Amino acid sequence: MILSNFLQNDPDVVIIPYTSKNPLYVVSFILSGIGIIYIILTLFLLKLLSNPWSRMVLFISLCDVIITGGIVILYSIEQPNEVICDSFIWATHYAVLASFSWGACFAHAFMTVVKTENETRVSGNLKYYIAISHIIPIPLTILSIKTDFVRYNPEKNFCYHEFRYGEIDVSFFWTEIVPYAIALGFAIYYTFSALKKLYAVTHGISRWRLMSVLQFPLIMVICWFGQQLNIFLAQFNVHLPYAQNIGVAFQTMCFLQGFLNAIAYGVTYTVYSGYKKLFKKHCKRKRREIIEESTGSLVHSSDEEINRALMERSYTRKLSPKSTSFRKASSFRMVQTLDSRSREDDIE
């Protein structure tokens, strides 16, 4: 994995420092980190892990986590030693090779769905995709270890790789350039084989929705093709103008893979419809809460008004002149009745 190219005093020697810091790399790390977080949150928030396409996106995002996280940690260590250099570079190299494989697997899944017109076949093939993408890189990573893919300079205290113009670099050529070329070849073959039959897809599968899967193999081309071509030409003694600037630009694109994967996943129909349903559900819940609060306040206020009216009514009756005079007249008549009855008793 190349971070930047710069020439030493010998114009035919290229030193590739793995701990070279560049503002463009920092920006790409931040964007890829945001993209990776977005993908993981989307998968769990929308509960999409049961979807086979989403699970494939999760696995390629895990590769991006190792690539971005490994390089960021290595950058943050001020004085790395040989063990740290070897461990982090080998881990990121393994993740790079796995991401190449996942790009080809996306193209194969696209071809499978087009030919069978059955998206459930992707779920059945997922175990094979996982095995291919995470087992094949192991021997290639071991080969890179044996062929000095990464070296450590104790005097300058940095990790690097060195190769010469016009000479085949065994480590880079066989453990990165060739695997990328194979993955790219399979992706192109699967894609064009499927596109020939895509017009015949009529059994409830949206063509444009299905073609969104091809974004991930396309990202593999966008992010890695320039870097691989640059190293390949250098080994055949082709000197590109502004080699250092070109190397930085190509490596920046490699580090943006996580961010571009997040954009590609965010515009898929599955994610769009999932967030749309989630937004509608949230709006309905909020509307229900507002209605319940307004209804409860109306009931509470009406109860208070009724109680207040009853109290005022009873208080008014107590103070009403008519009611007072009525009570006095009734008392007077009762006293008269009692007096007349007592006189009658005396006469008898």
Protein backbone atom coordinates (compact mmCIF):
# COMPACT_ATOMS: atom_id res chain seq x y z
CA MET A 1 0.00 0.00 0.00
CA ILE A 2 1.59 3.26 -1.12
CA LEU A 3 1.32 6.47 0.83
CA SER A 4 3.49 8.76 -1.26
CA ASN A 5 6.34 8.58 -3.72
CA PHE A 6 9.47 10.61 -3.42
CA LEU A 7 12.90 10.07 -4.95
CA GLN A 8 16.13 9.91 -3.03
CA ASN A 9 19.51 10.94 -4.46
CA ASP A 10 19.37 7.86 -6.66
CA PRO A 11 16.63 8.69 -9.21
CA ASP A 12 15.92 5.01 -9.77
CA VAL A 13 15.13 4.28 -6.11
CA VAL A 14 11.62 4.93 -4.80
CA ILE A 15 11.02 5.13 -1.06
CA ILE A 16 7.41 4.60 0.00
CA PRO A 17 7.05 5.84 3.62
CA TYR A 18 4.09 4.32 5.47
CA THR A 19 4.15 6.95 8.20
CA SER A 20 4.26 10.02 5.95
CA LYS A 21 1.76 12.64 7.14
CA ASN A 22 -0.16 14.75 4.65
CA PRO A 23 -3.17 17.08 5.12
CA LEU A 24 -5.03 15.32 2.31
CA TYR A 25 -4.67 12.02 4.13
CA VAL A 26 -6.08 13.57 7.31
CA VAL A 27 -9.12 14.86 5.44
CA SER A 28 -9.67 11.47 3.78
CA PHE A 29 -9.37 9.71 7.17
CA ILE A 30 -12.00 12.01 8.70
CA LEU A 31 -14.42 11.57 5.78
CA SER A 32 -13.97 7.80 5.71
CA GLY A 33 -14.44 7.64 9.48
CA ILE A 34 -17.72 9.56 9.17
CA GLY A 35 -18.81 7.29 6.33
CA ILE A 36 -18.04 4.11 8.27
CA ILE A 37 -19.95 5.36 11.32
CA TYR A 38 -22.91 6.28 9.11
CA ILE A 39 -23.03 2.80 7.56
CA ILE A 40 -22.85 0.99 10.90
CA LEU A 41 -25.48 3.25 12.52
CA THR A 42 -27.77 2.83 9.51
CA LEU A 43 -27.50 -0.96 9.64
CA PHE A 44 -28.52 -1.10 13.29
CA LEU A 45 -30.97 1.83 13.28
CA LEU A 46 -32.94 0.49 10.33
CA LYS A 47 -32.39 -3.15 11.36
CA LEU A 48 -30.97 -4.12 7.97
CA LEU A 49 -28.60 -6.88 9.03
CA SER A 50 -31.07 -9.50 7.75
CA ASN A 51 -30.68 -8.02 4.25
CA PRO A 52 -27.90 -9.89 2.34
CA TRP A 53 -26.80 -6.78 0.43
CA SER A 54 -26.49 -4.86 3.69
CA ARG A 55 -24.44 -7.64 5.26
CA MET A 56 -22.04 -7.48 2.31
CA VAL A 57 -21.76 -3.72 2.85
CA LEU A 58 -21.02 -4.38 6.52
CA PHE A 59 -18.12 -6.70 5.67
CA ILE A 60 -16.54 -4.31 3.19
CA SER A 61 -16.99 -1.52 5.77
CA LEU A 62 -15.10 -3.63 8.32
CA CYS A 63 -12.23 -3.71 5.81
CA ASP A 64 -12.41 0.09 5.67
CA VAL A 65 -12.31 0.20 9.48
CA ILE A 66 -9.08 -1.81 9.54
CA ILE A 67 -7.49 0.22 6.72
CA THR A 68 -8.41 3.64 8.11
CA GLY A 69 -8.03 2.75 11.77
CA GLY A 70 -4.71 0.96 11.28
CA ILE A 71 -3.08 3.84 9.44
CA VAL A 72 -4.50 6.47 11.81
CA ILE A 73 -3.14 4.59 14.86
CA LEU A 74 0.23 4.15 13.16
CA TYR A 75 0.31 7.88 12.40
CA SER A 76 -0.47 8.73 16.02
CA ILE A 77 2.49 6.73 17.37
CA GLU A 78 5.43 9.13 17.53
CA GLN A 79 8.14 6.48 17.79
CA PRO A 80 7.01 3.21 16.20
CA ASN A 81 9.25 0.18 16.40
CA GLU A 82 9.68 -2.67 13.95
CA VAL A 83 6.99 -4.85 15.54
CA ILE A 84 4.41 -2.03 15.44
CA CYS A 85 5.25 -1.22 11.81
CA ASP A 86 4.97 -4.82 10.71
CA SER A 87 1.75 -5.53 12.63
CA PHE A 88 -0.23 -2.52 11.44
CA ILE A 89 0.93 -2.62 7.82
CA TRP A 90 0.24 -6.34 7.50
CA ALA A 91 -3.23 -5.86 9.01
CA THR A 92 -4.07 -3.02 6.64
CA HIS A 93 -2.61 -4.96 3.69
CA TYR A 94 -4.87 -7.90 4.57
CA ALA A 95 -7.89 -5.57 4.69
CA VAL A 96 -6.97 -4.04 1.32
CA LEU A 97 -6.84 -7.49 -0.30
CA ALA A 98 -10.16 -8.41 1.33
CA SER A 99 -11.79 -5.25 -0.03
CA PHE A 100 -10.61 -6.22 -3.53
CA SER A 101 -12.33 -9.57 -3.13
CA TRP A 102 -15.55 -7.97 -1.88
CA GLY A 103 -15.63 -5.73 -4.95
CA ALA A 104 -15.57 -8.83 -7.17
CA CYS A 105 -18.18 -10.52 -4.95
CA PHE A 106 -20.60 -7.61 -5.40
CA ALA A 107 -20.27 -7.99 -9.17
CA HIS A 108 -20.86 -11.76 -8.90
CA ALA A 109 -23.95 -11.20 -6.73
CA PHE A 110 -25.26 -8.75 -9.31
CA MET A 111 -24.77 -11.33 -12.09
CA THR A 112 -26.43 -14.06 -9.99
CA VAL A 113 -29.57 -12.02 -9.37
CA VAL A 114 -29.84 -10.96 -13.00
CA LYS A 115 -29.50 -14.51 -14.31
CA THR A 116 -31.72 -16.21 -11.73
CA GLU A 117 -34.12 -13.28 -11.14
CA ASN A 118 -34.05 -14.30 -7.49
CA GLU A 119 -32.47 -12.04 -4.87
CA THR A 120 -32.57 -14.78 -2.22
CA ARG A 121 -29.67 -16.46 -4.00
CA VAL A 122 -27.42 -13.71 -2.66
CA SER A 123 -28.15 -14.83 0.89
CA GLY A 124 -27.26 -18.42 -0.02
CA ASN A 125 -23.95 -17.35 -1.60
CA LEU A 126 -22.98 -15.05 1.27
CA LYS A 127 -21.01 -17.73 3.11
CA TYR A 128 -18.90 -18.31 0.00
CA TYR A 129 -18.28 -14.60 -0.40
CA ILE A 130 -17.10 -14.39 3.22
CA ALA A 131 -14.80 -17.38 2.78
CA ILE A 132 -13.29 -16.08 -0.46
CA SER A 133 -12.81 -12.52 0.78
CA HIS A 134 -11.29 -13.38 4.16
CA ILE A 135 -9.37 -16.61 3.51
CA ILE A 136 -7.61 -15.90 0.19
CA PRO A 137 -5.87 -12.76 1.56
CA ILE A 138 -4.22 -14.80 4.34
CA PRO A 139 -1.57 -16.58 2.20
CA LEU A 140 -0.98 -13.37 0.24
CA THR A 141 -0.35 -11.47 3.47
CA ILE A 142 2.06 -14.18 4.61
CA LEU A 143 3.87 -13.90 1.27
CA SER A 144 4.16 -10.14 1.74
CA ILE A 145 5.76 -10.78 5.13
CA LYS A 146 8.32 -13.12 3.58
CA THR A 147 9.15 -10.67 0.78
CA ASP A 148 9.75 -7.53 2.90
CA PHE A 149 6.54 -5.69 2.13
CA VAL A 150 7.37 -3.36 5.02
CA ARG A 151 10.74 -2.35 6.43
CA TYR A 152 11.78 -0.32 9.44
CA ASN A 153 14.55 2.25 9.61
CA PRO A 154 15.70 2.56 13.26
CA GLU A 155 17.82 5.65 12.56
CA LYS A 156 15.01 7.72 11.02
CA ASN A 157 12.38 5.83 13.02
CA PHE A 158 9.84 5.27 10.23
CA CYS A 159 8.21 2.43 8.27
CA TYR A 160 8.78 2.23 4.54
CA HIS A 161 9.02 0.13 1.41
CA GLU A 162 11.70 0.44 -1.23
CA PHE A 163 11.81 -0.58 -4.87
CA ARG A 164 13.70 0.43 -8.00
CA TYR A 165 12.44 1.69 -11.31
CA GLY A 166 12.67 -0.93 -14.02
CA GLU A 167 12.68 -3.90 -11.62
CA ILE A 168 9.78 -6.15 -10.63
CA ASP A 169 9.09 -5.69 -6.94
CA VAL A 170 8.13 -9.20 -5.83
CA SER A 171 6.25 -8.07 -2.73
CA PHE A 172 4.15 -5.34 -4.36
CA PHE A 173 3.72 -7.07 -7.68
CA TRP A 174 2.53 -10.47 -6.44
CA THR A 175 0.73 -9.48 -3.24
CA GLU A 176 -1.13 -6.36 -4.38
CA ILE A 177 -0.96 -5.57 -8.10
CA VAL A 178 -1.74 -9.09 -9.32
CA PRO A 179 -4.58 -9.71 -6.77
CA TYR A 180 -6.11 -6.35 -7.72
CA ALA A 181 -5.89 -7.16 -11.43
CA ILE A 182 -7.56 -10.54 -10.85
CA ALA A 183 -10.37 -9.04 -8.75
CA LEU A 184 -10.86 -6.28 -11.32
CA GLY A 185 -10.95 -8.81 -14.17
CA PHE A 186 -13.61 -10.92 -12.44
CA ALA A 187 -15.66 -7.82 -11.59
CA ILE A 188 -15.61 -6.65 -15.21
CA TYR A 189 -16.50 -10.11 -16.52
CA TYR A 190 -19.40 -10.60 -14.09
CA THR A 191 -20.71 -7.10 -14.74
CA PHE A 192 -20.77 -7.29 -18.52
CA SER A 193 -22.15 -10.85 -18.46
CA ALA A 194 -25.06 -9.60 -16.37
CA LEU A 195 -25.65 -6.42 -18.35
CA LYS A 196 -26.34 -8.48 -21.46
CA LYS A 197 -29.31 -10.11 -19.75
CA LEU A 198 -30.43 -7.23 -17.58
CA TYR A 199 -33.11 -6.08 -20.06
CA ALA A 200 -34.91 -9.44 -19.60
CA VAL A 201 -35.39 -8.97 -15.85
CA THR A 202 -39.15 -8.61 -15.39
CA HIS A 203 -40.08 -10.62 -12.28
CA GLY A 204 -40.61 -7.80 -9.80
CA ILE A 205 -36.96 -6.69 -9.70
CA SER A 206 -36.23 -3.05 -10.44
CA ARG A 207 -33.37 -2.76 -12.91
CA TRP A 208 -32.12 0.56 -11.58
CA ARG A 209 -32.41 -0.64 -8.00
CA LEU A 210 -30.38 -3.71 -8.91
CA MET A 211 -27.76 -1.71 -10.78
CA SER A 212 -27.03 0.28 -7.61
CA VAL A 213 -25.08 -2.79 -6.47
CA LEU A 214 -22.50 -2.02 -9.17
CA GLN A 215 -21.48 1.10 -7.29
CA PHE A 216 -19.22 -0.95 -5.02
CA PRO A 217 -17.12 -2.59 -7.78
CA LEU A 218 -16.96 0.86 -9.40
CA ILE A 219 -15.59 2.34 -6.18
CA MET A 220 -12.86 -0.33 -6.21
CA VAL A 221 -11.87 0.96 -9.65
CA ILE A 222 -12.06 4.65 -8.70
CA CYS A 223 -10.09 4.30 -5.47
CA TRP A 224 -7.38 1.81 -6.42
CA PHE A 225 -6.84 1.75 -10.19
CA GLY A 226 -4.65 4.87 -10.33
CA GLN A 227 -2.40 3.75 -7.50
CA GLN A 228 -1.94 0.24 -8.90
CA LEU A 229 -1.23 1.58 -12.39
CA ASN A 230 1.31 4.05 -10.99
CA ILE A 231 3.27 1.31 -9.22
CA PHE A 232 2.97 -1.07 -12.16
CA LEU A 233 4.40 1.47 -14.63
CA ALA A 234 7.24 2.32 -12.24
CA GLN A 235 8.33 -1.31 -12.19
CA PHE A 236 8.56 -1.21 -15.97
CA ASN A 237 10.73 1.91 -15.85
CA VAL A 238 7.99 4.37 -16.84
CA HIS A 239 8.63 7.70 -15.14
CA LEU A 240 5.44 9.70 -14.74
CA PRO A 241 5.73 13.49 -14.48
CA TYR A 242 5.09 14.87 -10.98
CA ALA A 243 5.39 11.36 -9.56
CA GLN A 244 5.25 12.48 -5.94
CA ASN A 245 2.09 14.60 -6.37
CA ILE A 246 0.43 11.87 -8.40
CA GLY A 247 1.27 9.32 -5.71
CA VAL A 248 -0.29 11.51 -3.01
CA ALA A 249 -3.45 12.05 -5.07
CA PHE A 250 -3.83 8.34 -5.82
CA GLN A 251 -3.31 7.36 -2.18
CA THR A 252 -5.84 9.96 -1.05
CA MET A 253 -8.41 8.26 -3.27
CA CYS A 254 -7.56 4.92 -1.62
CA PHE A 255 -8.21 6.37 1.83
CA LEU A 256 -11.56 7.78 0.66
CA GLN A 257 -12.96 4.30 0.02
CA GLY A 258 -14.93 4.26 3.28
CA PHE A 259 -16.52 7.63 2.51
CA LEU A 260 -17.46 6.65 -1.05
CA ASN A 261 -18.92 3.34 0.16
CA ALA A 262 -21.11 5.29 2.59
CA ILE A 263 -22.39 7.54 -0.21
CA ALA A 264 -23.09 4.53 -2.44
CA TYR A 265 -24.93 2.72 0.35
CA GLY A 266 -26.87 5.84 1.38
CA VAL A 267 -28.47 6.28 -2.05
CA THR A 268 -29.63 2.66 -2.35
CA TYR A 269 -33.37 1.98 -2.34
CA THR A 270 -33.13 -0.11 0.83
CA VAL A 271 -31.64 2.71 2.88
CA TYR A 272 -33.82 5.41 1.30
CA SER A 273 -37.06 3.51 1.94
CA GLY A 274 -35.89 2.54 5.44
CA TYR A 275 -35.24 6.13 6.50
CA LYS A 276 -38.50 7.22 4.86
CA LYS A 277 -40.48 4.69 6.92
CA LEU A 278 -38.57 5.66 10.06
CA PHE A 279 -39.33 9.35 9.49
CA LYS A 280 -43.04 8.66 8.94
CA LYS A 281 -43.16 6.52 12.07
CA HIS A 282 -41.48 9.28 14.06
CA CYS A 283 -43.93 11.88 12.71
CA LYS A 284 -46.94 9.70 13.57
CA ARG A 285 -45.65 9.17 17.10
CA LYS A 286 -45.10 12.88 17.59
CA ARG A 287 -48.56 13.67 16.21
CA ARG A 288 -50.11 11.11 18.56
CA GLU A 289 -48.29 12.59 21.54
CA ILE A 290 -49.45 16.10 20.63
CA ILE A 291 -53.08 14.91 20.29
CA GLU A 292 -52.94 13.07 23.60
CA GLU A 293 -51.47 16.10 25.35
CA SER A 294 -54.07 18.46 23.87
CA THR A 295 -56.94 16.06 24.69
CA GLY A 296 -55.70 15.60 28.23
CA SER A 297 -55.40 19.34 28.76
CA LEU A 298 -58.93 19.90 27.39
CA VAL A 299 -60.38 17.26 29.70
CA HIS A 300 -58.50 18.67 32.66
CA SER A 301 -59.56 22.23 31.89
CA SER A 302 -63.21 21.22 31.34
CA ASP A 303 -63.27 19.38 34.69
CA GLU A 304 -61.88 22.45 36.41
CA GLU A 305 -64.46 24.70 34.74
CA ILE A 306 -67.33 22.41 35.78
CA ASN A 307 -66.14 22.30 39.40
CA ARG A 308 -65.68 26.03 39.42
CA ALA A 309 -69.20 26.56 38.01
CA LEU A 310 -70.76 24.27 40.60
CA MET A 311 -68.97 26.02 43.43
CA GLU A 312 -70.02 29.44 42.15
CA ARG A 313 -73.60 28.23 41.79
CA SER A 314 -73.77 26.88 45.32
CA TYR A 315 -72.13 30.01 46.69
CA THR A 316 -74.60 32.21 44.79
CA ARG A 317 -77.56 30.28 46.15
CA LYS A 318 -76.34 30.79 49.70
CA LEU A 319 -76.09 34.54 49.19
CA SER A 320 -79.27 35.02 47.09
CA PRO A 321 -81.90 37.39 48.65
CA LYS A 322 -84.75 35.28 47.39
CA SER A 323 -83.46 32.19 49.09
CA THR A 324 -82.91 34.15 52.34
CA SER A 325 -86.43 35.67 52.38
CA PHE A 326 -87.87 32.26 51.53
CA ARG A 327 -86.14 30.70 54.51
CA LYS A 328 -87.38 33.56 56.78
CA ALA A 329 -90.98 33.25 55.56
CA SER A 330 -90.98 29.53 56.07
CA SER A 331 -89.69 29.93 59.62
CA PHE A 332 -92.36 32.53 60.41
CA ARG A 333 -95.17 30.35 59.12
CA MET A 334 -93.86 27.40 61.14
CA VAL A 335 -93.84 29.52 64.34
CA GLN A 336 -97.44 30.68 63.65
CA THR A 337 -98.60 27.12 63.14
CA LEU A 338 -97.02 26.00 66.40
CA ASP A 339 -98.65 28.92 68.33
CA SER A 340 -102.13 28.23 66.96
CA ARG A 341 -101.82 24.54 67.85
CA SER A 342 -100.77 25.40 71.43
CA ARG A 343 -103.83 27.74 71.89
CA GLU A 344 -106.19 25.05 70.71
CA ASP A 345 -104.75 22.65 73.23
CA ASP A 346 -105.34 25.20 76.03
CA ILE A 347 -109.02 25.71 75.08
CA GLU A 348 -109.64 22.01 75.22
